[in-house]
Amino acid sequence: MNIITQNISFSNTSLTLTNQRVLFWEKHHALILSDLHLGKAAHFRKNGIALPMQVSLQDLQRLEQLIQYFPVKQVIIVGDLIHAGTNAEVSLLQQSIVKFPHIKFVLIKGNHDRFADEKWNKMGIHETYQDWHLDNIYFTHQASPLPNAHTISGHVHPGIRLRMPTKRTITFPCFVVSTQQIILPAFSLFTGFDTKSTLVDAIRYAFHENDIFCIH
């Protein structure tokens, strides 16, 4: 896995963007991500669409490598950790979490995260919230501009479609960053992109395996 980073300033603190769909907040040793949608492939299989469990396994392996790469003390998941119900892919999550007993896992619940808190705790998630703040940054799954607040959210799976000189178009995942908001890309590789929603005066940091580039 090739990890490319770019530092940005947000809410008077330094955050590190990566081309692997996560933020790292060095001050709090926090790895921040959103929209894993674990169990989505199993949900499709249950409904007659054949998709391999390998999709979720690769996402979790990538997460484990990122936890090992950065000096992580906590993982903050900004919603939609589990796509739908309990299945074998949820067990894979538990197997990943137990490898890191020294790390706190925090979940800000998304629209797909419907388990009771007790069940999240049994899975290894230490803290669950509807919304949460750390220092002066407010975490919420769905972007909702708040006066004088700086927010980090997920949900929309932002992407950007670029037209090549050959007239072919290519879509890249991206971070959407404005003065007061950051929208995270979906961590899962098994998601589509919203290329239409953005924020006023935002910079979009698009990325691929070998680069991060910004579009104003």
C-alpha atoms as a PDB file:
ATOM      1  CA  MET A   1       0.000   0.000   0.000  1.00  0.00           C
ATOM      2  CA  ASN A   2       1.396   3.368  -1.043  1.00  0.00           C
ATOM      3  CA  ILE A   3       0.612   6.144   1.471  1.00  0.00           C
ATOM      4  CA  ILE A   4       0.766   9.752   0.257  1.00  0.00           C
ATOM      5  CA  THR A   5       0.094  12.569   2.749  1.00  0.00           C
ATOM      6  CA  GLN A   6      -0.675  16.269   2.638  1.00  0.00           C
ATOM      7  CA  ASN A   7      -0.992  18.568   5.635  1.00  0.00           C
ATOM      8  CA  ILE A   8      -3.734  21.170   5.851  1.00  0.00           C
ATOM      9  CA  SER A   9      -4.731  23.731   8.468  1.00  0.00           C
ATOM     10  CA  PHE A  10      -8.279  23.467   9.802  1.00  0.00           C
ATOM     11  CA  SER A  11      -9.757  25.093  12.893  1.00  0.00           C
ATOM     12  CA  ASN A  12      -6.318  26.317  13.973  1.00  0.00           C
ATOM     13  CA  THR A  13      -4.862  22.821  13.988  1.00  0.00           C
ATOM     14  CA  SER A  14      -2.885  20.685  11.566  1.00  0.00           C
ATOM     15  CA  LEU A  15      -4.544  17.682   9.927  1.00  0.00           C
ATOM     16  CA  THR A  16      -2.958  15.182   7.556  1.00  0.00           C
ATOM     17  CA  LEU A  17      -4.900  14.049   4.492  1.00  0.00           C
ATOM     18  CA  THR A  18      -3.967  10.745   2.887  1.00  0.00           C
ATOM     19  CA  ASN A  19      -4.602   9.044  -0.415  1.00  0.00           C
ATOM     20  CA  GLN A  20      -5.898   6.070   1.585  1.00  0.00           C
ATOM     21  CA  ARG A  21      -9.161   7.820   2.534  1.00  0.00           C
ATOM     22  CA  VAL A  22      -8.295   8.786   6.108  1.00  0.00           C
ATOM     23  CA  LEU A  23      -7.278  11.876   8.051  1.00  0.00           C
ATOM     24  CA  PHE A  24      -4.668  11.781  10.781  1.00  0.00           C
ATOM     25  CA  TRP A  25      -4.844  14.315  13.617  1.00  0.00           C
ATOM     26  CA  GLU A  26      -1.403  14.209  15.168  1.00  0.00           C
ATOM     27  CA  LYS A  27      -2.299  16.284  18.233  1.00  0.00           C
ATOM     28  CA  HIS A  28      -4.690  13.554  19.419  1.00  0.00           C
ATOM     29  CA  HIS A  29      -3.025  10.600  17.667  1.00  0.00           C
ATOM     30  CA  ALA A  30      -6.391  10.110  15.952  1.00  0.00           C
ATOM     31  CA  LEU A  31      -7.082   8.277  12.710  1.00  0.00           C
ATOM     32  CA  ILE A  32     -10.336   9.662  11.273  1.00  0.00           C
ATOM     33  CA  LEU A  33     -12.453   7.959   8.614  1.00  0.00           C
ATOM     34  CA  SER A  34     -16.029   7.424   7.517  1.00  0.00           C
ATOM     35  CA  ASP A  35     -18.320   5.084   5.601  1.00  0.00           C
ATOM     36  CA  LEU A  36     -16.780   1.626   5.782  1.00  0.00           C
ATOM     37  CA  HIS A  37     -20.181   0.041   5.073  1.00  0.00           C
ATOM     38  CA  LEU A  38     -19.010  -3.341   6.342  1.00  0.00           C
ATOM     39  CA  GLY A  39     -21.526  -6.039   5.519  1.00  0.00           C
ATOM     40  CA  LYS A  40     -22.629  -4.378   2.297  1.00  0.00           C
ATOM     41  CA  ALA A  41     -21.322  -7.220   0.154  1.00  0.00           C
ATOM     42  CA  ALA A  42     -23.044  -9.757   2.438  1.00  0.00           C
ATOM     43  CA  HIS A  43     -26.266  -7.745   2.169  1.00  0.00           C
ATOM     44  CA  PHE A  44     -26.030  -7.936  -1.622  1.00  0.00           C
ATOM     45  CA  ARG A  45     -25.337 -11.679  -1.487  1.00  0.00           C
ATOM     46  CA  LYS A  46     -28.391 -12.173   0.716  1.00  0.00           C
ATOM     47  CA  ASN A  47     -30.433 -10.469  -1.976  1.00  0.00           C
ATOM     48  CA  GLY A  48     -29.105 -12.633  -4.786  1.00  0.00           C
ATOM     49  CA  ILE A  49     -26.202 -10.510  -6.043  1.00  0.00           C
ATOM     50  CA  ALA A  50     -22.937 -12.442  -5.861  1.00  0.00           C
ATOM     51  CA  LEU A  51     -20.164 -10.352  -4.307  1.00  0.00           C
ATOM     52  CA  PRO A  52     -17.106 -11.773  -2.530  1.00  0.00           C
ATOM     53  CA  MET A  53     -16.332 -11.125   1.138  1.00  0.00           C
ATOM     54  CA  GLN A  54     -12.871 -10.147  -0.098  1.00  0.00           C
ATOM     55  CA  VAL A  55     -14.201  -6.610  -0.645  1.00  0.00           C
ATOM     56  CA  SER A  56     -14.643  -5.995   3.095  1.00  0.00           C
ATOM     57  CA  LEU A  57     -11.540  -7.977   3.995  1.00  0.00           C
ATOM     58  CA  GLN A  58      -9.394  -5.695   1.834  1.00  0.00           C
ATOM     59  CA  ASP A  59     -10.889  -2.588   3.473  1.00  0.00           C
ATOM     60  CA  LEU A  60     -10.118  -3.931   6.948  1.00  0.00           C
ATOM     61  CA  GLN A  61      -6.598  -4.944   5.969  1.00  0.00           C
ATOM     62  CA  ARG A  62      -6.035  -1.407   4.692  1.00  0.00           C
ATOM     63  CA  LEU A  63      -7.329   0.001   7.980  1.00  0.00           C
ATOM     64  CA  GLU A  64      -4.985  -2.232   9.974  1.00  0.00           C
ATOM     65  CA  GLN A  65      -2.011  -1.088   7.898  1.00  0.00           C
ATOM     66  CA  LEU A  66      -2.915   2.566   8.460  1.00  0.00           C
ATOM     67  CA  ILE A  67      -3.198   2.028  12.225  1.00  0.00           C
ATOM     68  CA  GLN A  68       0.293   0.533  12.137  1.00  0.00           C
ATOM     69  CA  TYR A  69       1.684   3.292   9.897  1.00  0.00           C
ATOM     70  CA  PHE A  70       0.627   6.270  12.025  1.00  0.00           C
ATOM     71  CA  PRO A  71       1.186   6.623  15.804  1.00  0.00           C
ATOM     72  CA  VAL A  72      -2.504   5.968  16.481  1.00  0.00           C
ATOM     73  CA  LYS A  73      -4.085   5.996  19.935  1.00  0.00           C
ATOM     74  CA  GLN A  74      -7.702   6.330  18.803  1.00  0.00           C
ATOM     75  CA  VAL A  75      -9.735   5.607  15.676  1.00  0.00           C
ATOM     76  CA  ILE A  76     -12.682   7.936  15.044  1.00  0.00           C
ATOM     77  CA  ILE A  77     -15.271   6.538  12.629  1.00  0.00           C
ATOM     78  CA  VAL A  78     -17.653   9.244  11.431  1.00  0.00           C
ATOM     79  CA  GLY A  79     -20.628   7.027  10.659  1.00  0.00           C
ATOM     80  CA  ASP A  80     -21.840   4.121   8.533  1.00  0.00           C
ATOM     81  CA  LEU A  81     -19.450   1.566   9.948  1.00  0.00           C
ATOM     82  CA  ILE A  82     -21.910  -1.294   9.374  1.00  0.00           C
ATOM     83  CA  HIS A  83     -24.116  -1.302   6.289  1.00  0.00           C
ATOM     84  CA  ALA A  84     -26.914  -3.660   7.360  1.00  0.00           C
ATOM     85  CA  GLY A  85     -27.350  -6.228  10.120  1.00  0.00           C
ATOM     86  CA  THR A  86     -25.063  -8.836  11.642  1.00  0.00           C
ATOM     87  CA  ASN A  87     -23.166 -11.094   9.266  1.00  0.00           C
ATOM     88  CA  ALA A  88     -19.761 -12.687   8.717  1.00  0.00           C
ATOM     89  CA  GLU A  89     -18.221  -9.372   7.711  1.00  0.00           C
ATOM     90  CA  VAL A  90     -19.090  -7.912  11.117  1.00  0.00           C
ATOM     91  CA  SER A  91     -17.074 -10.757  12.657  1.00  0.00           C
ATOM     92  CA  LEU A  92     -14.122  -9.675  10.519  1.00  0.00           C
ATOM     93  CA  LEU A  93     -14.347  -6.238  12.138  1.00  0.00           C
ATOM     94  CA  GLN A  94     -14.179  -7.764  15.618  1.00  0.00           C
ATOM     95  CA  GLN A  95     -11.143  -9.792  14.590  1.00  0.00           C
ATOM     96  CA  SER A  96      -9.407  -6.607  13.435  1.00  0.00           C
ATOM     97  CA  ILE A  97     -10.239  -4.592  16.552  1.00  0.00           C
ATOM     98  CA  VAL A  98      -8.873  -7.184  18.997  1.00  0.00           C
ATOM     99  CA  LYS A  99      -5.457  -6.854  17.343  1.00  0.00           C
ATOM    100  CA  PHE A 100      -5.189  -3.331  18.786  1.00  0.00           C
ATOM    101  CA  PRO A 101      -6.043  -3.516  22.515  1.00  0.00           C
ATOM    102  CA  HIS A 102      -4.186  -0.251  23.200  1.00  0.00           C
ATOM    103  CA  ILE A 103      -6.350   1.769  20.782  1.00  0.00           C
ATOM    104  CA  LYS A 104      -9.723   3.371  21.527  1.00  0.00           C
ATOM    105  CA  PHE A 105     -12.385   3.022  18.829  1.00  0.00           C
ATOM    106  CA  VAL A 106     -15.001   5.800  18.721  1.00  0.00           C
ATOM    107  CA  LEU A 107     -18.109   5.674  16.510  1.00  0.00           C
ATOM    108  CA  ILE A 108     -20.237   8.655  15.564  1.00  0.00           C
ATOM    109  CA  LYS A 109     -23.373   6.879  14.397  1.00  0.00           C
ATOM    110  CA  GLY A 110     -24.541   7.175  10.809  1.00  0.00           C
ATOM    111  CA  ASN A 111     -27.874   6.397   9.200  1.00  0.00           C
ATOM    112  CA  HIS A 112     -26.842   2.743   8.712  1.00  0.00           C
ATOM    113  CA  ASP A 113     -25.536   2.240  12.268  1.00  0.00           C
ATOM    114  CA  ARG A 114     -28.620   0.837  13.978  1.00  0.00           C
ATOM    115  CA  PHE A 115     -27.206  -1.450  16.659  1.00  0.00           C
ATOM    116  CA  ALA A 116     -27.773  -0.740  20.345  1.00  0.00           C
ATOM    117  CA  ASP A 117     -24.785   0.635  22.243  1.00  0.00           C
ATOM    118  CA  GLU A 118     -24.350  -2.662  24.101  1.00  0.00           C
ATOM    119  CA  LYS A 119     -23.829  -4.497  20.832  1.00  0.00           C
ATOM    120  CA  TRP A 120     -21.281  -1.960  19.639  1.00  0.00           C
ATOM    121  CA  ASN A 121     -19.410  -2.455  22.907  1.00  0.00           C
ATOM    122  CA  LYS A 122     -19.330  -6.220  22.411  1.00  0.00           C
ATOM    123  CA  MET A 123     -17.863  -5.646  18.959  1.00  0.00           C
ATOM    124  CA  GLY A 124     -15.017  -3.646  20.482  1.00  0.00           C
ATOM    125  CA  ILE A 125     -16.284  -0.104  19.892  1.00  0.00           C
ATOM    126  CA  HIS A 126     -15.467   1.724  23.117  1.00  0.00           C
ATOM    127  CA  GLU A 127     -17.599   4.847  22.691  1.00  0.00           C
ATOM    128  CA  THR A 128     -20.634   5.652  20.526  1.00  0.00           C
ATOM    129  CA  TYR A 129     -22.250   9.038  19.928  1.00  0.00           C
ATOM    130  CA  GLN A 130     -24.842  10.681  17.722  1.00  0.00           C
ATOM    131  CA  ASP A 131     -22.568  13.718  17.487  1.00  0.00           C
ATOM    132  CA  TRP A 132     -19.286  14.405  19.239  1.00  0.00           C
ATOM    133  CA  HIS A 133     -16.648  17.069  19.598  1.00  0.00           C
ATOM    134  CA  LEU A 134     -12.939  16.991  20.289  1.00  0.00           C
ATOM    135  CA  ASP A 135     -11.340  20.333  21.090  1.00  0.00           C
ATOM    136  CA  ASN A 136     -13.308  22.723  18.883  1.00  0.00           C
ATOM    137  CA  ILE A 137     -14.019  20.253  16.057  1.00  0.00           C
ATOM    138  CA  TYR A 138     -17.534  18.811  15.866  1.00  0.00           C
ATOM    139  CA  PHE A 139     -18.005  15.327  14.389  1.00  0.00           C
ATOM    140  CA  THR A 140     -21.322  14.398  12.777  1.00  0.00           C
ATOM    141  CA  HIS A 141     -22.135  11.859  10.071  1.00  0.00           C
ATOM    142  CA  GLN A 142     -24.228  14.126   7.855  1.00  0.00           C
ATOM    143  CA  ALA A 143     -22.879  17.584   7.089  1.00  0.00           C
ATOM    144  CA  SER A 144     -24.887  20.275   8.839  1.00  0.00           C
ATOM    145  CA  PRO A 145     -23.342  23.758   8.894  1.00  0.00           C
ATOM    146  CA  LEU A 146     -23.372  25.202  12.392  1.00  0.00           C
ATOM    147  CA  PRO A 147     -22.665  28.868  13.157  1.00  0.00           C
ATOM    148  CA  ASN A 148     -19.125  29.338  14.424  1.00  0.00           C
ATOM    149  CA  ALA A 149     -18.477  25.574  14.424  1.00  0.00           C
ATOM    150  CA  HIS A 150     -15.911  23.511  12.556  1.00  0.00           C
ATOM    151  CA  THR A 151     -17.305  20.136  11.499  1.00  0.00           C
ATOM    152  CA  ILE A 152     -16.016  16.880  10.059  1.00  0.00           C
ATOM    153  CA  SER A 153     -18.602  14.615   8.422  1.00  0.00           C
ATOM    154  CA  GLY A 154     -19.014  11.815   5.886  1.00  0.00           C
ATOM    155  CA  HIS A 155     -22.147  10.322   4.308  1.00  0.00           C
ATOM    156  CA  VAL A 156     -22.057  11.719   0.764  1.00  0.00           C
ATOM    157  CA  HIS A 157     -19.005   9.794  -0.558  1.00  0.00           C
ATOM    158  CA  PRO A 158     -17.589  12.848  -2.366  1.00  0.00           C
ATOM    159  CA  GLY A 159     -15.842  12.491  -5.694  1.00  0.00           C
ATOM    160  CA  ILE A 160     -14.763  14.627  -8.609  1.00  0.00           C
ATOM    161  CA  ARG A 161     -15.133  13.857 -12.311  1.00  0.00           C
ATOM    162  CA  LEU A 162     -12.378  15.179 -14.556  1.00  0.00           C
ATOM    163  CA  ARG A 163     -12.352  15.264 -18.335  1.00  0.00           C
ATOM    164  CA  MET A 164      -9.112  14.097 -19.908  1.00  0.00           C
ATOM    165  CA  PRO A 165      -7.633  15.565 -23.148  1.00  0.00           C
ATOM    166  CA  THR A 166      -8.937  12.441 -24.884  1.00  0.00           C
ATOM    167  CA  LYS A 167     -12.466  13.517 -23.773  1.00  0.00           C
ATOM    168  CA  ARG A 168     -12.615  10.484 -21.527  1.00  0.00           C
ATOM    169  CA  THR A 169     -13.768  11.212 -17.954  1.00  0.00           C
ATOM    170  CA  ILE A 170     -12.216   9.761 -14.799  1.00  0.00           C
ATOM    171  CA  THR A 171     -13.750   9.969 -11.325  1.00  0.00           C
ATOM    172  CA  PHE A 172     -11.600  10.278  -8.213  1.00  0.00           C
ATOM    173  CA  PRO A 173     -12.571  10.184  -4.523  1.00  0.00           C
ATOM    174  CA  CYS A 174     -11.828  13.392  -2.662  1.00  0.00           C
ATOM    175  CA  PHE A 175     -11.844  15.298   0.605  1.00  0.00           C
ATOM    176  CA  VAL A 176     -14.009  18.423   0.474  1.00  0.00           C
ATOM    177  CA  VAL A 177     -12.499  21.170   2.629  1.00  0.00           C
ATOM    178  CA  SER A 178     -13.956  24.608   3.329  1.00  0.00           C
ATOM    179  CA  THR A 179     -13.166  27.100   6.074  1.00  0.00           C
ATOM    180  CA  GLN A 180     -15.583  25.452   8.518  1.00  0.00           C
ATOM    181  CA  GLN A 181     -16.289  21.973   7.130  1.00  0.00           C
ATOM    182  CA  ILE A 182     -14.539  18.827   5.965  1.00  0.00           C
ATOM    183  CA  ILE A 183     -16.430  16.059   4.185  1.00  0.00           C
ATOM    184  CA  LEU A 184     -14.530  12.771   4.234  1.00  0.00           C
ATOM    185  CA  PRO A 185     -14.367  10.344   1.315  1.00  0.00           C
ATOM    186  CA  ALA A 186     -15.886   6.911   1.864  1.00  0.00           C
ATOM    187  CA  PHE A 187     -13.252   4.587   3.294  1.00  0.00           C
ATOM    188  CA  SER A 188     -14.747   1.552   1.573  1.00  0.00           C
ATOM    189  CA  LEU A 189     -13.597   0.910  -1.972  1.00  0.00           C
ATOM    190  CA  PHE A 190     -17.033  -0.592  -2.665  1.00  0.00           C
ATOM    191  CA  THR A 191     -18.992   2.663  -2.942  1.00  0.00           C
ATOM    192  CA  GLY A 192     -20.062   5.093  -5.611  1.00  0.00           C
ATOM    193  CA  PHE A 193     -19.266   8.810  -5.727  1.00  0.00           C
ATOM    194  CA  ASP A 194     -21.310  11.971  -5.377  1.00  0.00           C
ATOM    195  CA  THR A 195     -19.682  14.359  -7.856  1.00  0.00           C
ATOM    196  CA  LYS A 196     -22.329  17.085  -7.554  1.00  0.00           C
ATOM    197  CA  SER A 197     -22.505  17.991  -3.870  1.00  0.00           C
ATOM    198  CA  THR A 198     -19.829  20.351  -2.585  1.00  0.00           C
ATOM    199  CA  LEU A 199     -19.405  23.268  -0.189  1.00  0.00           C
ATOM    200  CA  VAL A 200     -19.204  26.979  -0.886  1.00  0.00           C
ATOM    201  CA  ASP A 201     -15.604  28.098  -1.421  1.00  0.00           C
ATOM    202  CA  ALA A 202     -14.360  24.552  -0.878  1.00  0.00           C
ATOM    203  CA  ILE A 203     -11.148  22.986  -2.077  1.00  0.00           C
ATOM    204  CA  ARG A 204     -11.455  19.380  -3.199  1.00  0.00           C
ATOM    205  CA  TYR A 205      -8.405  17.250  -2.498  1.00  0.00           C
ATOM    206  CA  ALA A 206      -8.686  14.381  -4.960  1.00  0.00           C
ATOM    207  CA  PHE A 207      -6.318  11.449  -4.904  1.00  0.00           C
ATOM    208  CA  HIS A 208      -5.225   8.181  -6.422  1.00  0.00           C
ATOM    209  CA  GLU A 209      -2.614   5.599  -5.523  1.00  0.00           C
ATOM    210  CA  ASN A 210       0.334   7.873  -6.277  1.00  0.00           C
ATOM    211  CA  ASP A 211      -0.784  11.451  -5.656  1.00  0.00           C
ATOM    212  CA  ILE A 212      -3.034  13.974  -3.919  1.00  0.00           C
ATOM    213  CA  PHE A 213      -4.047  17.024  -5.956  1.00  0.00           C
ATOM    214  CA  CYS A 214      -6.352  19.940  -5.192  1.00  0.00           C
ATOM    215  CA  ILE A 215      -9.132  21.409  -7.320  1.00  0.00           C
ATOM    216  CA  HIS A 216     -10.453  24.868  -6.418  1.00  0.00           C
END
